[in-house]
Amino acid sequence: MKIKQIELEQVAGFKAQWPKDEMVELAFVGRSNVGKSSFINSFLGRKNLAKTSSKPGKTRTINFYRINNDFRLVDLPGYGYAKVSKAEKDKWDRLINEYLHERENLREVFLLVDIRHEPTTLDKQMYDWIIESGFTGFVIATKYDKISRGQIQKHIKQIKKKLNIADEGLIFAYSSETKHNKDVLEEQVEVIVKA
């Protein structure tokens, strides 16, 4: 899959702003500091498409990116970030839950975790929901370039065990810097979109 055309089609703070057609959507979700915006920029080959910040919690809306007029990549707000008000956190949670539970266009959900750290309780809850909802259970382990090669397998096994993932092949180690596994993920996305 070659990404030729990208458009930030819609920034949605509530359901009425979701795009109205039936285009296939792939959602990406993870904790606030997992590097989701960096992943999206790297994967789509654009430097500043998704806003990155040294302060986690930058994405406060659901961002719909139209790719090749073929499908949408959907960037959901990060969860689990402490330095915002409870009201703001509750709003994000509602936004994420409403989209994940009600969006008929949603074909697949990818969970992003930081390869350097054991997945959190919130990551486990999200992963369990993904599986229970009938999705495949793909996990993108970001910041792959930040650990030594000798440690990679140990960290992958830790993610597999903590999230109770049956097939290690569902975990993609990814580096936004080197784009490690970008081609494999592109192939996977193409298979999902064409299914």
Protein backbone atom coordinates (compact mmCIF):
# COMPACT_ATOMS: atom_id res chain seq x y z
CA MET A 1 0.00 0.00 0.00
CA LYS A 2 1.49 3.30 -1.07
CA ILE A 3 0.11 6.34 0.74
CA LYS A 4 -0.32 9.01 -1.93
CA GLN A 5 -3.03 11.25 -0.55
CA ILE A 6 -3.73 12.32 3.04
CA GLU A 7 -6.28 14.82 4.27
CA LEU A 8 -7.16 15.76 7.83
CA GLU A 9 -10.84 15.47 7.02
CA GLN A 10 -12.48 16.14 10.36
CA VAL A 11 -11.60 17.12 13.92
CA ALA A 12 -14.49 15.96 16.11
CA GLY A 13 -15.18 17.00 19.68
CA PHE A 14 -18.55 15.23 19.67
CA LYS A 15 -20.50 12.62 17.72
CA ALA A 16 -22.42 15.00 15.45
CA GLN A 17 -19.09 15.98 13.85
CA TRP A 18 -18.17 12.44 12.73
CA PRO A 19 -17.99 12.02 8.93
CA LYS A 20 -21.34 10.85 7.57
CA ASP A 21 -20.38 8.27 4.93
CA GLU A 22 -19.57 4.55 5.24
CA MET A 23 -15.82 4.64 4.54
CA VAL A 24 -13.79 2.00 6.41
CA GLU A 25 -12.04 3.34 9.52
CA LEU A 26 -9.04 2.01 11.45
CA ALA A 27 -8.67 3.47 14.95
CA PHE A 28 -5.42 3.95 16.88
CA VAL A 29 -5.60 4.21 20.66
CA GLY A 30 -3.11 4.29 23.52
CA ARG A 31 -1.95 6.09 26.63
CA SER A 32 -1.24 9.80 26.41
CA ASN A 33 2.55 9.49 26.35
CA VAL A 34 2.89 6.45 24.10
CA GLY A 35 4.00 8.38 20.99
CA LYS A 36 0.78 8.03 18.98
CA SER A 37 1.15 11.34 17.11
CA SER A 38 4.79 10.51 16.25
CA PHE A 39 3.69 7.08 15.04
CA ILE A 40 0.94 8.55 12.83
CA ASN A 41 3.32 11.13 11.30
CA SER A 42 5.95 8.46 10.67
CA PHE A 43 3.51 5.88 9.30
CA LEU A 44 1.83 8.37 6.97
CA GLY A 45 5.16 9.93 5.95
CA ARG A 46 4.30 13.47 7.06
CA LYS A 47 6.26 15.53 9.57
CA ASN A 48 3.60 17.62 11.31
CA LEU A 49 0.28 16.05 10.38
CA ALA A 50 -0.58 14.89 13.91
CA LYS A 51 0.50 17.45 16.50
CA THR A 52 3.26 16.16 18.75
CA SER A 53 4.16 17.70 22.08
CA SER A 54 6.59 17.18 24.94
CA LYS A 55 3.51 17.42 27.15
CA PRO A 56 1.29 14.31 26.85
CA GLY A 57 -2.43 14.75 26.24
CA LYS A 58 -2.15 16.95 23.13
CA THR A 59 -4.90 15.10 21.22
CA ARG A 60 -8.20 16.15 22.80
CA THR A 61 -10.46 15.39 19.86
CA ILE A 62 -11.05 12.48 17.48
CA ASN A 63 -9.06 13.25 14.33
CA PHE A 64 -10.19 11.62 11.07
CA TYR A 65 -7.50 11.34 8.36
CA ARG A 66 -8.73 10.34 4.89
CA ILE A 67 -6.10 8.17 3.18
CA ASN A 68 -6.00 7.70 -0.63
CA ASN A 69 -9.80 8.32 -0.64
CA ASP A 70 -9.85 4.65 0.38
CA PHE A 71 -10.09 4.53 4.19
CA ARG A 72 -9.71 6.67 7.30
CA LEU A 73 -7.07 6.47 9.97
CA VAL A 74 -8.72 7.63 13.21
CA ASP A 75 -6.58 9.14 15.97
CA LEU A 76 -8.32 8.83 19.34
CA PRO A 77 -7.38 10.93 22.42
CA GLY A 78 -4.82 9.31 24.69
CA TYR A 79 -6.07 7.86 27.94
CA GLY A 80 -4.66 7.74 31.47
CA TYR A 81 -2.98 11.13 31.61
CA ALA A 82 -3.07 12.67 35.08
CA LYS A 83 -2.31 16.36 34.51
CA VAL A 84 -5.73 17.43 33.29
CA SER A 85 -8.89 18.06 35.28
CA LYS A 86 -11.22 15.17 36.09
CA ALA A 87 -13.93 16.85 33.98
CA GLU A 88 -11.56 16.99 30.98
CA LYS A 89 -10.54 13.35 31.50
CA ASP A 90 -14.19 12.28 31.74
CA LYS A 91 -14.93 14.13 28.50
CA TRP A 92 -12.10 12.31 26.69
CA ASP A 93 -13.24 8.96 28.09
CA ARG A 94 -16.80 9.59 26.89
CA LEU A 95 -15.51 10.62 23.46
CA ILE A 96 -13.37 7.45 23.12
CA ASN A 97 -16.08 5.11 24.46
CA GLU A 98 -18.80 6.58 22.28
CA TYR A 99 -16.66 6.21 19.15
CA LEU A 100 -15.48 2.67 19.93
CA HIS A 101 -18.95 1.40 20.87
CA GLU A 102 -21.11 3.19 18.31
CA ARG A 103 -19.11 3.75 15.13
CA GLU A 104 -20.32 1.35 12.45
CA ASN A 105 -17.48 2.27 10.05
CA LEU A 106 -14.90 0.94 12.52
CA ARG A 107 -13.16 -2.10 11.02
CA GLU A 108 -10.14 -2.50 13.32
CA VAL A 109 -8.55 -1.03 16.47
CA PHE A 110 -4.79 -0.91 16.99
CA LEU A 111 -3.49 -0.51 20.55
CA LEU A 112 -0.22 1.38 20.96
CA VAL A 113 2.03 0.61 23.93
CA ASP A 114 5.56 1.78 24.79
CA ILE A 115 7.91 -1.17 24.23
CA ARG A 116 10.15 0.01 27.10
CA HIS A 117 7.49 -0.36 29.80
CA GLU A 118 5.15 -3.08 30.96
CA PRO A 119 1.59 -2.35 29.76
CA THR A 120 -0.56 -0.66 32.42
CA THR A 121 -3.88 -1.78 33.89
CA LEU A 122 -5.60 0.70 31.53
CA ASP A 123 -3.77 -0.87 28.56
CA LYS A 124 -4.99 -4.30 29.67
CA GLN A 125 -8.58 -3.05 30.03
CA MET A 126 -8.42 -1.49 26.55
CA TYR A 127 -6.93 -4.65 25.04
CA ASP A 128 -9.57 -6.84 26.69
CA TRP A 129 -12.28 -4.57 25.28
CA ILE A 130 -10.71 -4.76 21.79
CA ILE A 131 -10.76 -8.57 21.89
CA GLU A 132 -14.24 -8.83 23.46
CA SER A 133 -15.58 -6.51 20.75
CA GLY A 134 -14.45 -8.94 18.04
CA PHE A 135 -11.38 -7.07 16.77
CA THR A 136 -8.14 -8.90 15.99
CA GLY A 137 -5.98 -7.48 18.78
CA PHE A 138 -3.10 -5.81 16.95
CA VAL A 139 -0.56 -4.07 19.20
CA ILE A 140 2.02 -1.54 18.01
CA ALA A 141 4.97 -1.41 20.41
CA THR A 142 6.39 2.09 19.88
CA LYS A 143 9.88 3.47 20.65
CA TYR A 144 11.56 0.28 19.40
CA ASP A 145 14.76 2.27 18.70
CA LYS A 146 15.05 3.27 22.38
CA ILE A 147 16.04 -0.20 23.64
CA SER A 148 19.00 -2.41 22.76
CA ARG A 149 18.52 -5.21 20.25
CA GLY A 150 19.31 -7.81 22.90
CA GLN A 151 16.36 -6.60 25.01
CA ILE A 152 13.70 -6.52 22.28
CA GLN A 153 12.47 -10.12 22.60
CA LYS A 154 12.27 -9.84 26.38
CA HIS A 155 10.08 -6.71 26.08
CA ILE A 156 7.86 -8.27 23.40
CA LYS A 157 7.32 -11.32 25.64
CA GLN A 158 6.46 -9.02 28.56
CA ILE A 159 3.79 -7.26 26.45
CA LYS A 160 2.44 -10.64 25.26
CA LYS A 161 2.18 -11.96 28.82
CA LYS A 162 0.74 -8.80 30.43
CA LEU A 163 -1.97 -8.34 27.77
CA ASN A 164 -2.54 -12.09 27.45
CA ILE A 165 -1.98 -12.07 23.69
CA ALA A 166 -2.32 -15.52 22.13
CA ASP A 167 -0.21 -14.85 19.01
CA GLU A 168 3.06 -12.91 19.25
CA GLY A 169 2.66 -12.14 15.53
CA LEU A 170 0.00 -9.56 16.48
CA ILE A 171 2.68 -7.39 18.13
CA PHE A 172 4.55 -5.00 15.82
CA ALA A 173 7.68 -3.35 17.23
CA TYR A 174 7.79 0.11 15.63
CA SER A 175 10.20 3.03 15.52
CA SER A 176 8.97 6.45 14.38
CA GLU A 177 12.63 7.34 13.75
CA THR A 178 13.76 4.39 11.61
CA LYS A 179 10.25 3.33 10.45
CA HIS A 180 11.06 -0.24 11.48
CA ASN A 181 8.11 -2.49 10.48
CA LYS A 182 6.36 0.28 8.49
CA ASP A 183 6.16 -1.95 5.40
CA VAL A 184 4.70 -4.85 7.43
CA LEU A 185 2.06 -2.57 8.97
CA GLU A 186 1.21 -1.09 5.55
CA GLU A 187 0.59 -4.61 4.24
CA GLN A 188 -1.58 -5.41 7.26
CA VAL A 189 -3.62 -2.22 6.82
CA GLU A 190 -4.12 -3.00 3.12
CA VAL A 191 -5.41 -6.50 3.96
CA ILE A 192 -7.91 -5.06 6.48
CA VAL A 193 -9.13 -2.29 4.18
CA LYS A 194 -9.59 -4.62 1.20
CA ALA A 195 -11.33 -7.36 3.22
